[in-house]
Amino acid sequence: MKKILLLLIVSFIVAGLPAQILTPVDAASSVKFTIKNFGLKVDGSMKGLQGKIIFNPAGLATASFTVSADAATINTNNETRDNHLKKEEYFDVAKYPRLQFISTKIAATNNPAVFKIEGNITIKGITKLLSFPFTVVEKPDGQMFSGEFTINRRDFKVGGNSLVLSDNLIVSLSVFAKK
């Protein structure tokens, strides 16, 4: 009986804890993508991560992610290609300097270490609903959020009608955030 009472008390304490307000740390995070171009895999990344994350696994109803990356930081280790990707046909960084994700719902899954996030991703002023699983790892000075999803570049008018560029790209996120 004492164990059950103790478990209930701990549950109420954890559930009552306020969600932590965290800030992404750009230098300790990564936003990576992979796409095929002429049938060859091209990897790239973006930096300039900014935003606010409110997260408490015991209070997912109040959790939220508002995070963006600087489109002008696109890096595929090929300066000529990177400059081309910054132009209007691709990311049009002069007009749309940031790519943004704003969560609409965060839910638990059957695995206590995995959560599901739903939200709106905006690229080049076009917003689409997206959902994907993510994990959270506690670090001594913050939390590491990791997830991966696939998007269709044509949904965001990136790359025009290119026939040599794959439609789908994989985005991998590792976002370290701290108080």
N, C-alpha and C. Protein backbone atom coordinates (compact mmCIF):
# COMPACT_ATOMS: atom_id res chain seq x y z
N MET A 1 0.82 -1.19 0.00
CA MET A 1 0.00 0.00 0.00
C MET A 1 0.86 1.25 0.00
N LYS A 2 1.97 1.23 0.76
CA LYS A 2 2.87 2.38 0.82
C LYS A 2 3.49 2.64 -0.55
N LYS A 3 3.82 1.57 -1.28
CA LYS A 3 4.42 1.73 -2.60
C LYS A 3 3.43 2.38 -3.57
N ILE A 4 2.17 1.97 -3.51
CA ILE A 4 1.15 2.54 -4.39
C ILE A 4 0.95 4.01 -4.06
N LEU A 5 0.89 4.34 -2.77
CA LEU A 5 0.72 5.73 -2.35
C LEU A 5 1.91 6.57 -2.80
N LEU A 6 3.11 6.05 -2.65
CA LEU A 6 4.31 6.76 -3.07
C LEU A 6 4.30 6.98 -4.58
N LEU A 7 3.90 5.96 -5.33
CA LEU A 7 3.82 6.07 -6.79
C LEU A 7 2.80 7.14 -7.19
N LEU A 8 1.67 7.19 -6.54
CA LEU A 8 0.66 8.21 -6.83
C LEU A 8 1.17 9.62 -6.53
N ILE A 9 1.85 9.77 -5.41
CA ILE A 9 2.38 11.08 -5.03
C ILE A 9 3.42 11.53 -6.05
N VAL A 10 4.33 10.66 -6.43
CA VAL A 10 5.35 11.00 -7.43
C VAL A 10 4.69 11.36 -8.76
N SER A 11 3.66 10.61 -9.16
CA SER A 11 2.95 10.89 -10.41
C SER A 11 2.32 12.27 -10.39
N PHE A 12 1.70 12.64 -9.28
CA PHE A 12 1.09 13.96 -9.19
C PHE A 12 2.14 15.07 -9.20
N ILE A 13 3.26 14.83 -8.56
CA ILE A 13 4.33 15.82 -8.54
C ILE A 13 4.88 16.02 -9.95
N VAL A 14 5.19 14.92 -10.64
CA VAL A 14 5.73 15.01 -12.00
C VAL A 14 4.72 15.67 -12.93
N ALA A 15 3.45 15.27 -12.85
CA ALA A 15 2.42 15.84 -13.72
C ALA A 15 2.22 17.32 -13.44
N GLY A 16 2.48 17.72 -12.22
CA GLY A 16 2.29 19.11 -11.86
C GLY A 16 3.49 20.00 -12.14
N LEU A 17 4.59 19.41 -12.53
CA LEU A 17 5.76 20.21 -12.84
C LEU A 17 5.50 21.08 -14.05
N PRO A 18 5.94 22.30 -14.02
CA PRO A 18 5.74 23.15 -15.18
C PRO A 18 6.63 22.69 -16.34
N ALA A 19 6.16 22.92 -17.53
CA ALA A 19 6.96 22.58 -18.70
C ALA A 19 8.18 23.48 -18.73
N GLN A 20 9.27 22.93 -19.18
CA GLN A 20 10.49 23.72 -19.28
C GLN A 20 10.46 24.54 -20.56
N ILE A 21 10.86 25.79 -20.48
CA ILE A 21 11.00 26.62 -21.66
C ILE A 21 12.47 26.56 -22.06
N LEU A 22 12.70 26.03 -23.24
CA LEU A 22 14.05 25.78 -23.72
C LEU A 22 14.34 26.57 -24.99
N THR A 23 15.61 26.89 -25.19
CA THR A 23 16.06 27.59 -26.39
C THR A 23 17.01 26.68 -27.15
N PRO A 24 16.77 26.47 -28.45
CA PRO A 24 17.70 25.67 -29.25
C PRO A 24 19.09 26.30 -29.28
N VAL A 25 20.10 25.47 -29.20
CA VAL A 25 21.49 25.92 -29.26
C VAL A 25 22.02 25.53 -30.65
N ASP A 26 22.17 26.52 -31.50
CA ASP A 26 22.54 26.26 -32.89
C ASP A 26 23.85 25.47 -33.00
N ALA A 27 24.85 25.86 -32.25
CA ALA A 27 26.18 25.22 -32.36
C ALA A 27 26.16 23.75 -31.93
N ALA A 28 25.20 23.36 -31.11
CA ALA A 28 25.13 21.98 -30.62
C ALA A 28 24.03 21.17 -31.31
N SER A 29 23.41 21.75 -32.35
CA SER A 29 22.31 21.11 -33.06
C SER A 29 22.67 20.88 -34.51
N SER A 30 21.87 20.06 -35.19
CA SER A 30 22.08 19.87 -36.63
C SER A 30 20.74 19.71 -37.34
N VAL A 31 20.67 20.32 -38.51
CA VAL A 31 19.55 20.17 -39.42
C VAL A 31 20.18 19.68 -40.72
N LYS A 32 19.97 18.41 -41.02
CA LYS A 32 20.61 17.79 -42.19
C LYS A 32 19.54 17.28 -43.16
N PHE A 33 19.90 17.23 -44.43
CA PHE A 33 18.99 16.69 -45.43
C PHE A 33 19.77 15.85 -46.43
N THR A 34 19.04 14.93 -47.07
CA THR A 34 19.60 14.07 -48.11
C THR A 34 18.60 14.02 -49.25
N ILE A 35 19.12 14.22 -50.48
CA ILE A 35 18.29 14.16 -51.68
C ILE A 35 19.14 13.58 -52.80
N LYS A 36 18.50 12.95 -53.76
CA LYS A 36 19.23 12.43 -54.91
C LYS A 36 19.19 13.44 -56.04
N ASN A 37 20.35 13.66 -56.64
CA ASN A 37 20.52 14.56 -57.77
C ASN A 37 21.29 13.79 -58.84
N PHE A 38 20.74 13.64 -60.01
CA PHE A 38 21.32 12.80 -61.06
C PHE A 38 21.54 11.38 -60.55
N GLY A 39 20.68 10.93 -59.65
CA GLY A 39 20.77 9.58 -59.11
C GLY A 39 21.80 9.41 -58.00
N LEU A 40 22.54 10.46 -57.70
CA LEU A 40 23.55 10.40 -56.65
C LEU A 40 23.05 11.10 -55.38
N LYS A 41 23.36 10.53 -54.25
CA LYS A 41 22.95 11.10 -52.97
C LYS A 41 23.74 12.37 -52.68
N VAL A 42 23.01 13.44 -52.36
CA VAL A 42 23.62 14.71 -51.97
C VAL A 42 23.17 15.00 -50.54
N ASP A 43 24.13 15.24 -49.68
CA ASP A 43 23.84 15.59 -48.29
C ASP A 43 24.07 17.08 -48.10
N GLY A 44 23.28 17.66 -47.21
CA GLY A 44 23.45 19.07 -46.91
C GLY A 44 22.99 19.36 -45.50
N SER A 45 23.17 20.61 -45.13
CA SER A 45 22.76 21.03 -43.79
C SER A 45 22.40 22.51 -43.80
N MET A 46 21.76 22.92 -42.73
CA MET A 46 21.44 24.33 -42.50
C MET A 46 21.74 24.64 -41.04
N LYS A 47 22.06 25.88 -40.79
CA LYS A 47 22.34 26.34 -39.43
C LYS A 47 21.42 27.52 -39.12
N GLY A 48 21.80 28.29 -38.12
CA GLY A 48 21.01 29.45 -37.75
C GLY A 48 19.72 29.08 -37.05
N LEU A 49 19.76 28.00 -36.29
CA LEU A 49 18.58 27.51 -35.58
C LEU A 49 18.17 28.51 -34.50
N GLN A 50 16.88 28.82 -34.47
CA GLN A 50 16.32 29.73 -33.46
C GLN A 50 14.96 29.20 -33.04
N GLY A 51 14.47 29.68 -31.92
CA GLY A 51 13.11 29.34 -31.54
C GLY A 51 12.91 29.15 -30.06
N LYS A 52 11.80 28.48 -29.77
CA LYS A 52 11.42 28.22 -28.38
C LYS A 52 10.77 26.85 -28.32
N ILE A 53 11.17 26.06 -27.34
CA ILE A 53 10.60 24.74 -27.12
C ILE A 53 10.07 24.70 -25.70
N ILE A 54 8.82 24.31 -25.57
CA ILE A 54 8.22 24.11 -24.25
C ILE A 54 7.92 22.62 -24.16
N PHE A 55 8.56 21.94 -23.20
CA PHE A 55 8.42 20.49 -23.17
C PHE A 55 8.49 19.94 -21.76
N ASN A 56 7.53 19.09 -21.44
CA ASN A 56 7.50 18.29 -20.23
C ASN A 56 6.77 17.01 -20.61
N PRO A 57 7.45 15.84 -20.62
CA PRO A 57 6.80 14.61 -21.05
C PRO A 57 5.55 14.25 -20.25
N ALA A 58 5.43 14.79 -19.05
CA ALA A 58 4.24 14.51 -18.23
C ALA A 58 3.12 15.51 -18.50
N GLY A 59 3.38 16.51 -19.32
CA GLY A 59 2.36 17.52 -19.62
C GLY A 59 2.38 17.88 -21.10
N LEU A 60 2.15 16.90 -21.95
CA LEU A 60 2.27 17.12 -23.40
C LEU A 60 1.22 18.08 -23.95
N ALA A 61 0.11 18.26 -23.25
CA ALA A 61 -0.93 19.17 -23.73
C ALA A 61 -0.43 20.61 -23.83
N THR A 62 0.57 20.95 -23.03
CA THR A 62 1.11 22.32 -23.06
C THR A 62 2.45 22.41 -23.78
N ALA A 63 2.90 21.29 -24.34
CA ALA A 63 4.19 21.29 -25.04
C ALA A 63 4.05 21.95 -26.41
N SER A 64 5.12 22.61 -26.84
CA SER A 64 5.11 23.22 -28.17
C SER A 64 6.54 23.43 -28.67
N PHE A 65 6.66 23.43 -29.98
CA PHE A 65 7.93 23.69 -30.64
C PHE A 65 7.70 24.78 -31.68
N THR A 66 8.47 25.83 -31.63
CA THR A 66 8.49 26.87 -32.65
C THR A 66 9.96 27.06 -32.99
N VAL A 67 10.38 26.51 -34.12
CA VAL A 67 11.79 26.48 -34.45
C VAL A 67 11.98 26.86 -35.92
N SER A 68 13.05 27.58 -36.21
CA SER A 68 13.33 27.94 -37.59
C SER A 68 14.84 27.84 -37.87
N ALA A 69 15.16 27.72 -39.16
CA ALA A 69 16.56 27.66 -39.60
C ALA A 69 16.78 28.71 -40.67
N ASP A 70 17.99 29.17 -40.80
CA ASP A 70 18.38 30.20 -41.75
C ASP A 70 18.63 29.56 -43.12
N ALA A 71 17.77 29.84 -44.09
CA ALA A 71 17.89 29.24 -45.43
C ALA A 71 19.20 29.60 -46.11
N ALA A 72 19.75 30.77 -45.82
CA ALA A 72 20.99 31.21 -46.47
C ALA A 72 22.22 30.42 -46.01
N THR A 73 22.07 29.61 -44.96
CA THR A 73 23.20 28.82 -44.46
C THR A 73 23.31 27.47 -45.13
N ILE A 74 22.48 27.21 -46.15
CA ILE A 74 22.49 25.90 -46.80
C ILE A 74 23.93 25.55 -47.21
N ASN A 75 24.31 24.32 -46.89
CA ASN A 75 25.69 23.88 -47.14
C ASN A 75 25.68 22.45 -47.64
N THR A 76 26.12 22.24 -48.88
CA THR A 76 26.24 20.90 -49.46
C THR A 76 27.70 20.58 -49.76
N ASN A 77 28.60 21.37 -49.20
CA ASN A 77 30.05 21.25 -49.45
C ASN A 77 30.40 21.48 -50.91
N ASN A 78 29.60 22.30 -51.59
CA ASN A 78 29.85 22.68 -52.97
C ASN A 78 29.33 24.12 -53.11
N GLU A 79 30.23 25.08 -53.06
CA GLU A 79 29.84 26.49 -53.03
C GLU A 79 29.00 26.89 -54.24
N THR A 80 29.34 26.40 -55.43
CA THR A 80 28.57 26.72 -56.63
C THR A 80 27.13 26.22 -56.49
N ARG A 81 26.98 24.99 -56.05
CA ARG A 81 25.63 24.43 -55.85
C ARG A 81 24.89 25.20 -54.76
N ASP A 82 25.58 25.51 -53.65
CA ASP A 82 24.94 26.22 -52.56
C ASP A 82 24.42 27.59 -53.02
N ASN A 83 25.21 28.30 -53.80
CA ASN A 83 24.76 29.60 -54.32
C ASN A 83 23.56 29.44 -55.24
N HIS A 84 23.55 28.36 -56.02
CA HIS A 84 22.41 28.08 -56.91
C HIS A 84 21.15 27.78 -56.08
N LEU A 85 21.31 27.04 -54.99
CA LEU A 85 20.16 26.68 -54.14
C LEU A 85 19.56 27.89 -53.43
N LYS A 86 20.32 28.96 -53.31
CA LYS A 86 19.84 30.17 -52.65
C LYS A 86 18.98 31.03 -53.58
N LYS A 87 19.00 30.71 -54.86
CA LYS A 87 18.27 31.50 -55.85
C LYS A 87 16.77 31.21 -55.83
N GLU A 88 16.02 32.05 -56.56
CA GLU A 88 14.55 32.00 -56.57
C GLU A 88 13.98 30.63 -56.89
N GLU A 89 14.56 29.90 -57.83
CA GLU A 89 14.02 28.60 -58.24
C GLU A 89 14.07 27.57 -57.10
N TYR A 90 15.00 27.76 -56.18
CA TYR A 90 15.13 26.81 -55.08
C TYR A 90 14.59 27.44 -53.79
N PHE A 91 15.44 27.96 -52.92
CA PHE A 91 14.96 28.46 -51.63
C PHE A 91 14.65 29.95 -51.61
N ASP A 92 15.04 30.69 -52.62
CA ASP A 92 14.75 32.12 -52.72
C ASP A 92 15.00 32.81 -51.37
N VAL A 93 16.25 32.70 -50.91
CA VAL A 93 16.59 33.18 -49.57
C VAL A 93 16.43 34.69 -49.40
N ALA A 94 16.49 35.44 -50.51
CA ALA A 94 16.29 36.89 -50.40
C ALA A 94 14.86 37.20 -49.96
N LYS A 95 13.90 36.44 -50.47
CA LYS A 95 12.49 36.67 -50.15
C LYS A 95 12.03 35.85 -48.95
N TYR A 96 12.57 34.65 -48.78
CA TYR A 96 12.17 33.74 -47.70
C TYR A 96 13.40 33.30 -46.91
N PRO A 97 13.87 34.15 -46.01
CA PRO A 97 15.14 33.87 -45.32
C PRO A 97 15.12 32.73 -44.31
N ARG A 98 13.92 32.30 -43.86
CA ARG A 98 13.88 31.27 -42.82
C ARG A 98 12.91 30.16 -43.21
N LEU A 99 13.24 28.93 -42.80
CA LEU A 99 12.35 27.78 -42.88
C LEU A 99 11.84 27.58 -41.47
N GLN A 100 10.55 27.32 -41.30
CA GLN A 100 9.99 27.29 -39.95
C GLN A 100 9.12 26.07 -39.71
N PHE A 101 9.14 25.60 -38.47
CA PHE A 101 8.24 24.53 -38.03
C PHE A 101 7.56 24.99 -36.75
N ILE A 102 6.22 24.89 -36.72
CA ILE A 102 5.44 25.22 -35.53
C ILE A 102 4.55 24.03 -35.22
N SER A 103 4.72 23.46 -34.04
CA SER A 103 3.94 22.28 -33.67
C SER A 103 2.48 22.64 -33.41
N THR A 104 1.62 21.67 -33.65
CA THR A 104 0.20 21.82 -33.34
C THR A 104 -0.24 20.78 -32.32
N LYS A 105 0.52 19.68 -32.20
CA LYS A 105 0.16 18.62 -31.26
C LYS A 105 1.39 17.76 -30.99
N ILE A 106 1.54 17.36 -29.74
CA ILE A 106 2.61 16.43 -29.35
C ILE A 106 1.96 15.35 -28.51
N ALA A 107 2.25 14.10 -28.86
CA ALA A 107 1.59 12.98 -28.18
C ALA A 107 2.61 11.90 -27.81
N ALA A 108 2.26 11.12 -26.80
CA ALA A 108 3.06 9.97 -26.41
C ALA A 108 2.80 8.84 -27.40
N THR A 109 3.69 7.87 -27.43
CA THR A 109 3.52 6.67 -28.23
C THR A 109 3.59 5.47 -27.28
N ASN A 110 3.53 4.28 -27.84
CA ASN A 110 3.65 3.07 -27.02
C ASN A 110 5.03 2.92 -26.41
N ASN A 111 6.01 3.58 -26.99
CA ASN A 111 7.37 3.56 -26.48
C ASN A 111 7.58 4.82 -25.64
N PRO A 112 7.88 4.70 -24.33
CA PRO A 112 8.00 5.90 -23.49
C PRO A 112 9.15 6.83 -23.88
N ALA A 113 10.05 6.37 -24.73
CA ALA A 113 11.17 7.21 -25.15
C ALA A 113 10.88 7.92 -26.48
N VAL A 114 9.72 7.63 -27.08
CA VAL A 114 9.39 8.19 -28.40
C VAL A 114 8.08 8.95 -28.31
N PHE A 115 8.06 10.12 -28.93
CA PHE A 115 6.87 10.96 -29.00
C PHE A 115 6.53 11.21 -30.46
N LYS A 116 5.31 11.65 -30.72
CA LYS A 116 4.91 12.00 -32.08
C LYS A 116 4.55 13.48 -32.08
N ILE A 117 5.09 14.18 -33.06
CA ILE A 117 4.82 15.61 -33.19
C ILE A 117 4.10 15.86 -34.50
N GLU A 118 3.13 16.74 -34.44
CA GLU A 118 2.43 17.21 -35.64
C GLU A 118 2.58 18.72 -35.66
N GLY A 119 2.70 19.25 -36.86
CA GLY A 119 2.82 20.69 -36.97
C GLY A 119 2.92 21.16 -38.39
N ASN A 120 3.12 22.44 -38.54
CA ASN A 120 3.19 23.07 -39.84
C ASN A 120 4.62 23.46 -40.17
N ILE A 121 5.07 23.00 -41.33
CA ILE A 121 6.38 23.39 -41.82
C ILE A 121 6.16 24.40 -42.94
N THR A 122 6.92 25.49 -42.90
CA THR A 122 6.78 26.54 -43.89
C THR A 122 8.11 26.74 -44.60
N ILE A 123 8.06 26.57 -45.92
CA ILE A 123 9.23 26.77 -46.78
C ILE A 123 8.77 27.61 -47.96
N LYS A 124 9.46 28.69 -48.23
CA LYS A 124 9.13 29.61 -49.33
C LYS A 124 7.69 30.12 -49.22
N GLY A 125 7.23 30.36 -48.00
CA GLY A 125 5.90 30.90 -47.79
C GLY A 125 4.78 29.89 -47.95
N ILE A 126 5.12 28.63 -48.19
CA ILE A 126 4.13 27.57 -48.34
C ILE A 126 4.14 26.72 -47.08
N THR A 127 2.97 26.52 -46.49
CA THR A 127 2.85 25.78 -45.24
C THR A 127 2.13 24.46 -45.48
N LYS A 128 2.72 23.37 -44.96
CA LYS A 128 2.13 22.03 -45.07
C LYS A 128 2.16 21.37 -43.70
N LEU A 129 1.14 20.55 -43.43
CA LEU A 129 1.08 19.78 -42.19
C LEU A 129 2.04 18.61 -42.27
N LEU A 130 2.70 18.33 -41.19
CA LEU A 130 3.73 17.30 -41.13
C LEU A 130 3.64 16.60 -39.78
N SER A 131 3.91 15.30 -39.75
CA SER A 131 4.01 14.60 -38.46
C SER A 131 5.15 13.60 -38.56
N PHE A 132 5.82 13.41 -37.43
CA PHE A 132 6.93 12.47 -37.38
C PHE A 132 7.26 12.12 -35.93
N PRO A 133 7.89 10.96 -35.72
CA PRO A 133 8.30 10.59 -34.36
C PRO A 133 9.60 11.29 -33.98
N PHE A 134 9.77 11.50 -32.68
CA PHE A 134 11.03 12.05 -32.19
C PHE A 134 11.35 11.48 -30.82
N THR A 135 12.61 11.55 -30.48
CA THR A 135 13.06 11.08 -29.17
C THR A 135 13.61 12.27 -28.38
N VAL A 136 13.66 12.09 -27.08
CA VAL A 136 14.22 13.11 -26.19
C VAL A 136 15.24 12.42 -25.29
N VAL A 137 16.41 12.99 -25.22
CA VAL A 137 17.46 12.48 -24.33
C VAL A 137 17.85 13.61 -23.39
N GLU A 138 17.74 13.34 -22.10
CA GLU A 138 18.14 14.32 -21.09
C GLU A 138 19.66 14.45 -21.10
N LYS A 139 20.13 15.67 -21.12
CA LYS A 139 21.55 15.98 -21.02
C LYS A 139 21.76 16.78 -19.74
N PRO A 140 22.99 16.83 -19.23
CA PRO A 140 23.22 17.56 -17.98
C PRO A 140 22.74 19.02 -18.01
N ASP A 141 22.82 19.66 -19.16
CA ASP A 141 22.45 21.07 -19.22
C ASP A 141 21.32 21.36 -20.21
N GLY A 142 20.54 20.32 -20.56
CA GLY A 142 19.43 20.54 -21.48
C GLY A 142 18.85 19.22 -21.97
N GLN A 143 18.23 19.28 -23.15
CA GLN A 143 17.62 18.10 -23.75
C GLN A 143 17.98 18.04 -25.24
N MET A 144 18.17 16.82 -25.74
CA MET A 144 18.44 16.61 -27.16
C MET A 144 17.19 15.99 -27.78
N PHE A 145 16.60 16.69 -28.75
CA PHE A 145 15.43 16.22 -29.48
C PHE A 145 15.91 15.75 -30.85
N SER A 146 15.55 14.51 -31.23
CA SER A 146 16.00 13.96 -32.51
C SER A 146 14.82 13.35 -33.25
N GLY A 147 14.77 13.59 -34.56
CA GLY A 147 13.70 13.03 -35.38
C GLY A 147 14.08 13.09 -36.84
N GLU A 148 13.26 12.45 -37.66
CA GLU A 148 13.52 12.39 -39.09
C GLU A 148 12.19 12.33 -39.83
N PHE A 149 12.11 13.03 -40.97
CA PHE A 149 10.90 13.01 -41.78
C PHE A 149 11.27 13.19 -43.25
N THR A 150 10.31 12.88 -44.11
CA THR A 150 10.48 13.04 -45.55
C THR A 150 9.47 14.05 -46.05
N ILE A 151 9.92 14.95 -46.93
CA ILE A 151 9.01 15.90 -47.56
C ILE A 151 9.24 15.87 -49.07
N ASN A 152 8.25 16.33 -49.81
CA ASN A 152 8.34 16.44 -51.25
C ASN A 152 8.68 17.89 -51.58
N ARG A 153 9.82 18.10 -52.21
CA ARG A 153 10.29 19.46 -52.52
C ARG A 153 9.30 20.21 -53.40
N ARG A 154 8.58 19.48 -54.27
CA ARG A 154 7.64 20.14 -55.18
C ARG A 154 6.46 20.75 -54.42
N ASP A 155 6.12 20.19 -53.25
CA ASP A 155 5.06 20.77 -52.42
C ASP A 155 5.38 22.20 -52.01
N PHE A 156 6.67 22.54 -52.00
CA PHE A 156 7.12 23.86 -51.57
C PHE A 156 7.72 24.66 -52.72
N LYS A 157 7.54 24.17 -53.93
CA LYS A 157 8.05 24.84 -55.14
C LYS A 157 9.56 25.06 -55.06
N VAL A 158 10.25 24.06 -54.56
CA VAL A 158 11.71 24.10 -54.49
C VAL A 158 12.26 23.25 -55.64
N GLY A 159 13.09 23.84 -56.47
CA GLY A 159 13.73 23.10 -57.55
C GLY A 159 12.96 23.06 -58.84
N GLY A 160 11.89 23.82 -58.90
CA GLY A 160 11.12 23.90 -60.14
C GLY A 160 10.73 22.53 -60.69
N ASN A 161 10.86 22.37 -61.99
CA ASN A 161 10.47 21.13 -62.65
C ASN A 161 11.67 20.25 -62.96
N SER A 162 12.71 20.36 -62.20
CA SER A 162 13.92 19.57 -62.43
C SER A 162 13.58 18.09 -62.53
N LEU A 163 14.07 17.46 -63.59
CA LEU A 163 13.85 16.03 -63.78
C LEU A 163 15.00 15.20 -63.22
N VAL A 164 16.11 15.85 -62.88
CA VAL A 164 17.28 15.11 -62.36
C VAL A 164 17.33 15.13 -60.84
N LEU A 165 16.49 15.95 -60.24
CA LEU A 165 16.45 16.08 -58.79
C LEU A 165 15.27 15.27 -58.26
N SER A 166 15.52 14.40 -57.30
CA SER A 166 14.46 13.60 -56.69
C SER A 166 13.40 14.52 -56.09
N ASP A 167 12.16 14.07 -56.09
CA ASP A 167 11.10 14.86 -55.48
C ASP A 167 11.19 14.84 -53.96
N ASN A 168 11.56 13.70 -53.39
CA ASN A 168 11.56 13.54 -51.94
C ASN A 168 12.94 13.73 -51.34
N LEU A 169 12.95 14.37 -50.19
CA LEU A 169 14.19 14.50 -49.45
C LEU A 169 13.94 14.14 -48.00
N ILE A 170 14.97 13.63 -47.38
CA ILE A 170 14.91 13.21 -45.97
C ILE A 170 15.57 14.30 -45.13
N VAL A 171 14.88 14.72 -44.09
CA VAL A 171 15.41 15.72 -43.17
C VAL A 171 15.64 15.03 -41.83
N SER A 172 16.85 15.18 -41.29
CA SER A 172 17.21 14.61 -39.98
C SER A 172 17.53 15.77 -39.04
N LEU A 173 16.89 15.74 -37.88
CA LEU A 173 17.06 16.80 -36.89
C LEU A 173 17.68 16.27 -35.59
N SER A 174 18.62 17.00 -35.08
CA SER A 174 19.14 16.79 -33.73
C SER A 174 19.21 18.17 -33.11
N VAL A 175 18.26 18.48 -32.28
CA VAL A 175 18.16 19.83 -31.73
C VAL A 175 18.45 19.78 -30.23
N PHE A 176 19.56 20.39 -29.84
CA PHE A 176 19.89 20.51 -28.43
C PHE A 176 19.30 21.83 -27.94
N ALA A 177 18.56 21.75 -26.84
CA ALA A 177 17.96 22.95 -26.28
C ALA A 177 18.23 23.00 -24.78
N LYS A 178 18.43 24.23 -24.29
CA LYS A 178 18.69 24.39 -22.86
C LYS A 178 17.89 25.57 -22.31
N LYS A 179 17.81 25.61 -20.97
CA LYS A 179 17.07 26.69 -20.30
C LYS A 179 17.77 28.01 -20.52
